[in-house]
């Protein structure tokens, strides 16, 4: 039974470490697009409705993107967020460049919340790893003393 508990702790620790790093990387990429991306307008062409528990219905959309400086247009791009209502007018977004497949809505919460969550999860995983290493050292010291 103790071995099963140790395996469960190990799996939780691995998920926390990998998940934390994944969320941090995801938020850094999204934040980079918001800071250095090309601003423009996203025009929804097709939206799919999704039912949620809290807010009822959200809309996931694909459409076209036109840079504000008119330097390029992307015929098919999806937006990284769900809308509360189907967008009927252009939405201010940013993209990495003319070959981008995803447009990012300029909202700090879209990267700060996943990034903050990733930091918390990563810290949790690091403390679990630290405790596991400390426990193994103590076990080895006890075995050497006997």
Protein backbone atom coordinates (compact mmCIF):
# COMPACT_ATOMS: atom_id res chain seq x y z
CA UNK A 1 0.00 0.00 0.00
CA UNK A 2 2.88 2.33 0.77
CA UNK A 3 4.35 1.66 -2.68
CA UNK A 4 1.03 2.58 -4.33
CA UNK A 5 1.01 5.86 -2.39
CA UNK A 6 4.59 6.60 -3.53
CA UNK A 7 3.67 5.92 -7.17
CA UNK A 8 0.65 8.20 -6.88
CA UNK A 9 2.80 10.99 -5.40
CA UNK A 10 5.38 10.53 -8.14
CA UNK A 11 2.73 10.80 -10.87
CA UNK A 12 1.21 13.92 -9.30
CA UNK A 13 4.68 15.46 -9.09
CA UNK A 14 5.42 14.72 -12.78
CA UNK A 15 2.04 16.12 -13.89
CA UNK A 16 2.63 19.26 -11.81
CA UNK A 17 6.11 19.82 -13.22
CA UNK A 18 5.16 19.17 -16.86
CA UNK A 19 1.81 20.97 -16.60
CA UNK A 20 3.35 24.01 -14.91
CA UNK A 21 6.07 24.33 -17.54
CA UNK A 22 3.49 23.81 -20.32
CA UNK A 23 1.22 26.57 -19.02
CA UNK A 24 4.14 28.95 -18.58
CA UNK A 25 5.40 28.32 -22.14
CA UNK A 26 1.87 28.74 -23.52
CA UNK A 27 1.42 32.07 -21.74
CA UNK A 28 4.87 33.36 -22.78
CA UNK A 29 4.08 32.62 -26.44
CA UNK A 30 0.72 34.37 -26.16
CA UNK A 31 2.22 37.36 -24.30
CA UNK A 32 4.95 37.64 -26.95
CA UNK A 33 2.31 37.85 -29.68
CA UNK A 34 0.46 40.55 -27.76
CA UNK A 35 3.64 42.60 -27.32
CA UNK A 36 5.40 42.12 -30.68
CA UNK A 37 2.58 40.97 -32.98
CA UNK A 38 1.17 42.84 -35.94
CA UNK A 39 -2.08 44.60 -35.01
CA UNK A 40 -5.10 44.23 -37.21
CA UNK A 41 -8.76 43.33 -37.47
CA UNK A 42 -10.27 39.85 -37.31
CA UNK A 43 -13.56 39.39 -39.16
CA UNK A 44 -15.51 36.28 -38.16
CA UNK A 45 -16.74 34.14 -41.03
CA UNK A 46 -17.78 30.98 -39.21
CA UNK A 47 -18.53 30.47 -35.52
CA UNK A 48 -19.31 27.28 -33.63
CA UNK A 49 -21.38 27.41 -30.46
CA UNK A 50 -20.15 25.66 -27.35
CA UNK A 51 -22.24 25.03 -24.26
CA UNK A 52 -20.59 25.80 -20.92
CA UNK A 53 -21.75 25.27 -17.37
CA UNK A 54 -21.21 28.81 -16.13
CA UNK A 55 -21.89 31.25 -18.94
CA UNK A 56 -24.26 29.22 -21.07
CA UNK A 57 -22.99 29.57 -24.64
CA UNK A 58 -19.68 30.73 -26.08
CA UNK A 59 -18.56 31.08 -29.68
CA UNK A 60 -15.33 29.75 -31.20
CA UNK A 61 -14.68 31.54 -34.48
CA UNK A 62 -12.55 31.38 -37.61
CA UNK A 63 -12.32 34.08 -40.22
CA UNK A 64 -9.99 36.51 -41.94
CA UNK A 65 -7.38 38.93 -40.62
CA UNK A 66 -6.26 42.21 -42.16
CA UNK A 67 -3.26 44.10 -40.80
CA UNK A 68 -3.95 47.68 -39.72
CA UNK A 69 -1.23 48.94 -42.06
CA UNK A 70 -2.79 46.92 -44.95
CA UNK A 71 0.54 45.14 -45.51
CA UNK A 72 -1.05 41.68 -45.59
CA UNK A 73 -4.30 39.76 -45.25
CA UNK A 74 -4.75 36.22 -43.95
CA UNK A 75 -7.73 34.45 -45.50
CA UNK A 76 -8.20 31.84 -42.78
CA UNK A 77 -7.22 32.32 -39.16
CA UNK A 78 -8.75 31.24 -35.86
CA UNK A 79 -8.96 33.34 -32.72
CA UNK A 80 -7.37 32.13 -29.49
CA UNK A 81 -10.41 32.94 -27.38
CA UNK A 82 -14.10 32.18 -27.14
CA UNK A 83 -16.57 35.04 -27.47
CA UNK A 84 -19.64 35.51 -25.26
CA UNK A 85 -21.65 36.51 -28.32
CA UNK A 86 -21.05 35.98 -32.01
CA UNK A 87 -18.91 38.91 -33.25
CA UNK A 88 -20.78 40.93 -35.87
CA UNK A 89 -18.07 43.55 -36.39
CA UNK A 90 -14.27 43.31 -36.73
CA UNK A 91 -12.35 42.52 -33.54
CA UNK A 92 -8.93 44.02 -32.73
CA UNK A 93 -6.34 41.21 -32.67
CA UNK A 94 -2.64 40.61 -33.30
CA UNK A 95 -0.79 37.93 -35.27
CA UNK A 96 2.85 36.86 -35.47
CA UNK A 97 3.06 37.56 -39.20
CA UNK A 98 1.56 36.87 -42.62
CA UNK A 99 1.80 33.08 -42.21
CA UNK A 100 0.08 32.95 -38.80
CA UNK A 101 -2.81 30.54 -38.20
CA UNK A 102 -3.97 32.04 -34.89
CA UNK A 103 -4.95 35.59 -34.01
CA UNK A 104 -4.58 36.75 -30.40
CA UNK A 105 -7.08 39.07 -28.73
CA UNK A 106 -5.24 41.88 -26.92
CA UNK A 107 -6.18 41.01 -23.33
CA UNK A 108 -3.56 40.46 -20.61
CA UNK A 109 -5.85 37.99 -18.78
CA UNK A 110 -5.46 35.56 -21.69
CA UNK A 111 -1.80 35.01 -20.79
CA UNK A 112 -1.53 36.18 -17.17
CA UNK A 113 -4.06 33.72 -15.74
CA UNK A 114 -2.58 30.59 -17.40
CA UNK A 115 0.94 31.84 -16.66
CA UNK A 116 0.18 32.49 -12.99
CA UNK A 117 -1.51 29.12 -12.68
CA UNK A 118 1.52 27.50 -14.31
CA UNK A 119 3.88 29.16 -11.82
CA UNK A 120 1.79 27.94 -8.87
CA UNK A 121 1.58 24.39 -10.23
CA UNK A 122 5.32 24.36 -11.02
CA UNK A 123 6.19 25.53 -7.50
CA UNK A 124 3.98 22.77 -6.09
CA UNK A 125 5.80 20.21 -8.26
CA UNK A 126 9.22 21.55 -7.23
CA UNK A 127 8.33 21.27 -3.54
CA UNK A 128 7.15 17.70 -4.11
CA UNK A 129 10.40 16.89 -5.94
CA UNK A 130 12.45 18.51 -3.18
CA UNK A 131 10.61 16.49 -0.52
CA UNK A 132 11.10 13.26 -2.48
CA UNK A 133 14.85 13.91 -2.86
CA UNK A 134 15.17 14.76 0.84
CA UNK A 135 13.25 11.60 1.80
CA UNK A 136 15.49 9.40 -0.36
CA UNK A 137 18.63 10.95 1.19
CA UNK A 138 17.30 10.27 4.68
CA UNK A 139 16.46 6.67 3.72
CA UNK A 140 19.99 6.16 2.37
CA UNK A 141 21.53 7.69 5.51
CA UNK A 142 19.43 5.36 7.71
CA UNK A 143 20.41 2.34 5.61
CA UNK A 144 24.11 3.28 5.81
CA UNK A 145 23.90 3.73 9.59
CA UNK A 146 22.49 0.25 10.12
